[in-house]
Amino acid sequence: MVSKNKCTHYSQVKAIQPKSSVCEECVKQGLDWVALRKCLVCGNVGCCDSSAGHARKHFQETKHALITPLKGGWVWCYECDDYVE
């Protein structure tokens, strides 16, 4: 686990509401998801890697590195490839 002080991406975090309560990409494609992740930079909601991985695809397209479960809990940094404490 990397600390907030050592994760150089943590400064990107903004207090932002989720843009949706579903993975819009899965809905468009008629797919189901396992769990939802919220981007902590812009509020985009995407499915986890155990689903179609739309949250990771959002990161790859935007470089918004930090996600959390839609209902909160932990923070993951795609760039650090680790949880942030």
N, C-alpha and C. Protein backbone atom coordinates (compact mmCIF):
# COMPACT_ATOMS: atom_id res chain seq x y z
N MET A 1 0.86 -1.17 0.00
CA MET A 1 0.00 0.00 0.00
C MET A 1 0.90 1.23 0.00
N VAL A 2 0.57 2.17 -0.85
CA VAL A 2 1.34 3.41 -0.96
C VAL A 2 0.61 4.51 -0.18
N SER A 3 1.37 5.36 0.48
CA SER A 3 0.74 6.43 1.25
C SER A 3 0.32 7.58 0.33
N LYS A 4 -0.62 8.38 0.79
CA LYS A 4 -1.07 9.55 0.03
C LYS A 4 0.10 10.47 -0.28
N ASN A 5 1.05 10.55 0.63
CA ASN A 5 2.21 11.43 0.44
C ASN A 5 3.16 10.93 -0.63
N LYS A 6 3.20 9.61 -0.84
CA LYS A 6 4.10 9.03 -1.84
C LYS A 6 3.46 8.84 -3.20
N CYS A 7 2.13 8.83 -3.25
CA CYS A 7 1.42 8.71 -4.52
C CYS A 7 1.36 10.11 -5.14
N THR A 8 2.13 10.33 -6.17
CA THR A 8 2.18 11.66 -6.80
C THR A 8 0.90 12.00 -7.54
N HIS A 9 0.00 11.04 -7.69
CA HIS A 9 -1.25 11.26 -8.41
C HIS A 9 -2.38 11.68 -7.47
N TYR A 10 -2.17 11.49 -6.17
CA TYR A 10 -3.24 11.74 -5.20
C TYR A 10 -3.71 13.19 -5.21
N SER A 11 -2.88 14.10 -5.64
CA SER A 11 -3.28 15.51 -5.70
C SER A 11 -4.37 15.75 -6.74
N GLN A 12 -4.62 14.78 -7.62
CA GLN A 12 -5.67 14.90 -8.63
C GLN A 12 -7.08 14.74 -8.04
N VAL A 13 -7.17 14.15 -6.84
CA VAL A 13 -8.48 13.85 -6.24
C VAL A 13 -9.29 15.12 -6.05
N LYS A 14 -10.54 15.05 -6.47
CA LYS A 14 -11.48 16.16 -6.30
C LYS A 14 -12.73 15.63 -5.60
N ALA A 15 -13.35 16.45 -4.81
CA ALA A 15 -14.62 16.05 -4.18
C ALA A 15 -15.69 16.18 -5.25
N ILE A 16 -16.00 15.09 -5.90
CA ILE A 16 -16.93 15.12 -7.03
C ILE A 16 -17.94 13.99 -6.90
N GLN A 17 -19.16 14.29 -7.25
CA GLN A 17 -20.24 13.30 -7.22
C GLN A 17 -20.11 12.37 -8.42
N PRO A 18 -20.54 11.11 -8.27
CA PRO A 18 -20.53 10.21 -9.42
C PRO A 18 -21.46 10.74 -10.51
N LYS A 19 -21.06 10.55 -11.75
CA LYS A 19 -21.87 11.01 -12.88
C LYS A 19 -23.05 10.09 -13.18
N SER A 20 -23.03 8.90 -12.58
CA SER A 20 -24.07 7.91 -12.87
C SER A 20 -24.14 6.92 -11.72
N SER A 21 -25.13 6.07 -11.75
CA SER A 21 -25.21 4.97 -10.78
C SER A 21 -25.07 3.63 -11.49
N VAL A 22 -24.69 3.69 -12.76
CA VAL A 22 -24.49 2.49 -13.58
C VAL A 22 -23.25 2.68 -14.44
N CYS A 23 -22.74 1.59 -15.00
CA CYS A 23 -21.67 1.69 -16.00
C CYS A 23 -22.36 1.96 -17.33
N GLU A 24 -22.27 3.20 -17.78
CA GLU A 24 -22.96 3.60 -19.02
C GLU A 24 -22.48 2.78 -20.22
N GLU A 25 -21.20 2.43 -20.27
CA GLU A 25 -20.68 1.63 -21.38
C GLU A 25 -21.29 0.23 -21.39
N CYS A 26 -21.42 -0.38 -20.22
CA CYS A 26 -22.07 -1.70 -20.14
C CYS A 26 -23.52 -1.62 -20.56
N VAL A 27 -24.21 -0.56 -20.12
CA VAL A 27 -25.61 -0.39 -20.50
C VAL A 27 -25.72 -0.29 -22.02
N LYS A 28 -24.85 0.50 -22.66
CA LYS A 28 -24.87 0.64 -24.13
C LYS A 28 -24.64 -0.69 -24.83
N GLN A 29 -23.77 -1.53 -24.24
CA GLN A 29 -23.40 -2.79 -24.86
C GLN A 29 -24.26 -3.97 -24.40
N GLY A 30 -25.18 -3.71 -23.47
CA GLY A 30 -26.04 -4.78 -22.97
C GLY A 30 -25.31 -5.76 -22.07
N LEU A 31 -24.28 -5.29 -21.37
CA LEU A 31 -23.48 -6.15 -20.50
C LEU A 31 -23.86 -5.96 -19.03
N ASP A 32 -23.59 -6.98 -18.23
CA ASP A 32 -23.73 -6.89 -16.78
C ASP A 32 -22.36 -6.60 -16.18
N TRP A 33 -22.34 -6.09 -14.95
CA TRP A 33 -21.07 -5.82 -14.29
C TRP A 33 -21.07 -6.46 -12.92
N VAL A 34 -19.86 -6.66 -12.38
CA VAL A 34 -19.67 -7.23 -11.06
C VAL A 34 -19.70 -6.13 -10.01
N ALA A 35 -18.91 -5.07 -10.23
CA ALA A 35 -18.82 -3.96 -9.28
C ALA A 35 -18.52 -2.68 -10.06
N LEU A 36 -18.88 -1.56 -9.45
CA LEU A 36 -18.68 -0.26 -10.10
C LEU A 36 -17.59 0.53 -9.39
N ARG A 37 -16.84 1.30 -10.17
CA ARG A 37 -15.77 2.14 -9.67
C ARG A 37 -16.03 3.58 -10.11
N LYS A 38 -15.72 4.52 -9.20
CA LYS A 38 -15.88 5.94 -9.50
C LYS A 38 -14.50 6.56 -9.66
N CYS A 39 -14.33 7.32 -10.73
CA CYS A 39 -13.11 8.09 -10.94
C CYS A 39 -13.10 9.24 -9.93
N LEU A 40 -12.02 9.37 -9.19
CA LEU A 40 -11.94 10.42 -8.18
C LEU A 40 -11.50 11.76 -8.76
N VAL A 41 -11.28 11.81 -10.05
CA VAL A 41 -10.91 13.07 -10.71
C VAL A 41 -12.14 13.72 -11.34
N CYS A 42 -12.95 12.92 -12.06
CA CYS A 42 -14.07 13.52 -12.79
C CYS A 42 -15.44 12.95 -12.45
N GLY A 43 -15.48 11.85 -11.67
CA GLY A 43 -16.76 11.27 -11.30
C GLY A 43 -17.30 10.22 -12.26
N ASN A 44 -16.56 9.91 -13.32
CA ASN A 44 -17.00 8.87 -14.25
C ASN A 44 -17.20 7.56 -13.49
N VAL A 45 -18.24 6.82 -13.87
CA VAL A 45 -18.50 5.52 -13.26
C VAL A 45 -18.29 4.45 -14.31
N GLY A 46 -17.48 3.46 -13.97
CA GLY A 46 -17.21 2.34 -14.87
C GLY A 46 -17.15 1.05 -14.10
N CYS A 47 -17.24 -0.05 -14.82
CA CYS A 47 -17.20 -1.35 -14.17
C CYS A 47 -15.75 -1.77 -13.88
N CYS A 48 -15.62 -2.70 -12.94
CA CYS A 48 -14.31 -3.16 -12.49
C CYS A 48 -13.67 -4.11 -13.51
N ASP A 49 -12.42 -4.49 -13.24
CA ASP A 49 -11.70 -5.39 -14.13
C ASP A 49 -12.29 -6.80 -14.16
N SER A 50 -13.06 -7.18 -13.15
CA SER A 50 -13.73 -8.49 -13.17
C SER A 50 -14.93 -8.48 -14.11
N SER A 51 -15.29 -7.30 -14.58
CA SER A 51 -16.34 -7.13 -15.59
C SER A 51 -15.64 -6.78 -16.91
N ALA A 52 -16.20 -5.88 -17.68
CA ALA A 52 -15.59 -5.49 -18.95
C ALA A 52 -14.41 -4.54 -18.77
N GLY A 53 -14.21 -4.01 -17.56
CA GLY A 53 -13.06 -3.16 -17.29
C GLY A 53 -13.18 -1.74 -17.81
N HIS A 54 -14.39 -1.20 -17.85
CA HIS A 54 -14.57 0.16 -18.37
C HIS A 54 -13.93 1.23 -17.48
N ALA A 55 -13.77 0.97 -16.18
CA ALA A 55 -13.07 1.94 -15.33
C ALA A 55 -11.60 2.04 -15.76
N ARG A 56 -10.96 0.92 -16.03
CA ARG A 56 -9.57 0.93 -16.49
C ARG A 56 -9.47 1.58 -17.87
N LYS A 57 -10.42 1.32 -18.74
CA LYS A 57 -10.41 1.94 -20.07
C LYS A 57 -10.52 3.46 -19.94
N HIS A 58 -11.32 3.93 -18.98
CA HIS A 58 -11.42 5.37 -18.72
C HIS A 58 -10.05 5.92 -18.32
N PHE A 59 -9.34 5.21 -17.44
CA PHE A 59 -7.99 5.62 -17.05
C PHE A 59 -7.06 5.67 -18.26
N GLN A 60 -7.09 4.64 -19.09
CA GLN A 60 -6.21 4.59 -20.26
C GLN A 60 -6.47 5.74 -21.22
N GLU A 61 -7.72 6.17 -21.32
CA GLU A 61 -8.07 7.27 -22.22
C GLU A 61 -7.80 8.64 -21.62
N THR A 62 -7.95 8.79 -20.30
CA THR A 62 -7.88 10.11 -19.67
C THR A 62 -6.66 10.32 -18.78
N LYS A 63 -6.03 9.23 -18.35
CA LYS A 63 -4.92 9.25 -17.37
C LYS A 63 -5.40 9.69 -15.99
N HIS A 64 -6.71 9.61 -15.72
CA HIS A 64 -7.24 9.83 -14.37
C HIS A 64 -6.93 8.56 -13.58
N ALA A 65 -5.96 8.61 -12.71
CA ALA A 65 -5.37 7.40 -12.11
C ALA A 65 -6.11 6.85 -10.91
N LEU A 66 -6.95 7.61 -10.25
CA LEU A 66 -7.50 7.20 -8.96
C LEU A 66 -8.97 6.84 -9.01
N ILE A 67 -9.28 5.66 -8.46
CA ILE A 67 -10.66 5.19 -8.41
C ILE A 67 -11.00 4.72 -7.00
N THR A 68 -12.28 4.61 -6.75
CA THR A 68 -12.80 4.05 -5.51
C THR A 68 -14.08 3.30 -5.86
N PRO A 69 -14.49 2.35 -5.02
CA PRO A 69 -15.80 1.74 -5.27
C PRO A 69 -16.87 2.83 -5.29
N LEU A 70 -17.91 2.62 -6.03
CA LEU A 70 -18.96 3.63 -6.16
C LEU A 70 -19.46 4.07 -4.79
N LYS A 71 -19.53 3.16 -3.84
CA LYS A 71 -20.00 3.51 -2.50
C LYS A 71 -18.86 3.84 -1.55
N GLY A 72 -17.65 4.00 -2.07
CA GLY A 72 -16.50 4.39 -1.25
C GLY A 72 -15.85 3.20 -0.56
N GLY A 73 -14.82 3.50 0.21
CA GLY A 73 -14.11 2.46 0.94
C GLY A 73 -12.61 2.63 0.79
N TRP A 74 -12.06 2.14 -0.27
CA TRP A 74 -10.63 2.23 -0.52
C TRP A 74 -10.36 3.06 -1.77
N VAL A 75 -9.09 3.38 -1.99
CA VAL A 75 -8.67 4.13 -3.19
C VAL A 75 -7.59 3.30 -3.89
N TRP A 76 -7.71 3.18 -5.20
CA TRP A 76 -6.71 2.48 -6.02
C TRP A 76 -6.11 3.48 -6.99
N CYS A 77 -4.78 3.40 -7.16
CA CYS A 77 -4.09 4.22 -8.15
C CYS A 77 -3.58 3.32 -9.26
N TYR A 78 -4.08 3.53 -10.47
CA TYR A 78 -3.63 2.74 -11.62
C TYR A 78 -2.16 2.98 -11.92
N GLU A 79 -1.69 4.21 -11.76
CA GLU A 79 -0.29 4.53 -12.05
C GLU A 79 0.66 3.85 -11.06
N CYS A 80 0.33 3.89 -9.78
CA CYS A 80 1.16 3.25 -8.75
C CYS A 80 0.92 1.75 -8.70
N ASP A 81 -0.20 1.30 -9.30
CA ASP A 81 -0.61 -0.10 -9.29
C ASP A 81 -0.72 -0.61 -7.86
N ASP A 82 -1.41 0.19 -7.02
CA ASP A 82 -1.50 -0.15 -5.61
C ASP A 82 -2.64 0.63 -4.96
N TYR A 83 -3.04 0.15 -3.77
CA TYR A 83 -4.00 0.88 -2.95
C TYR A 83 -3.30 2.09 -2.35
N VAL A 84 -4.07 3.15 -2.11
CA VAL A 84 -3.53 4.36 -1.49
C VAL A 84 -4.15 4.48 -0.11
N GLU A 85 -3.30 4.71 0.89
CA GLU A 85 -3.82 4.87 2.25
C GLU A 85 -3.71 6.29 2.71
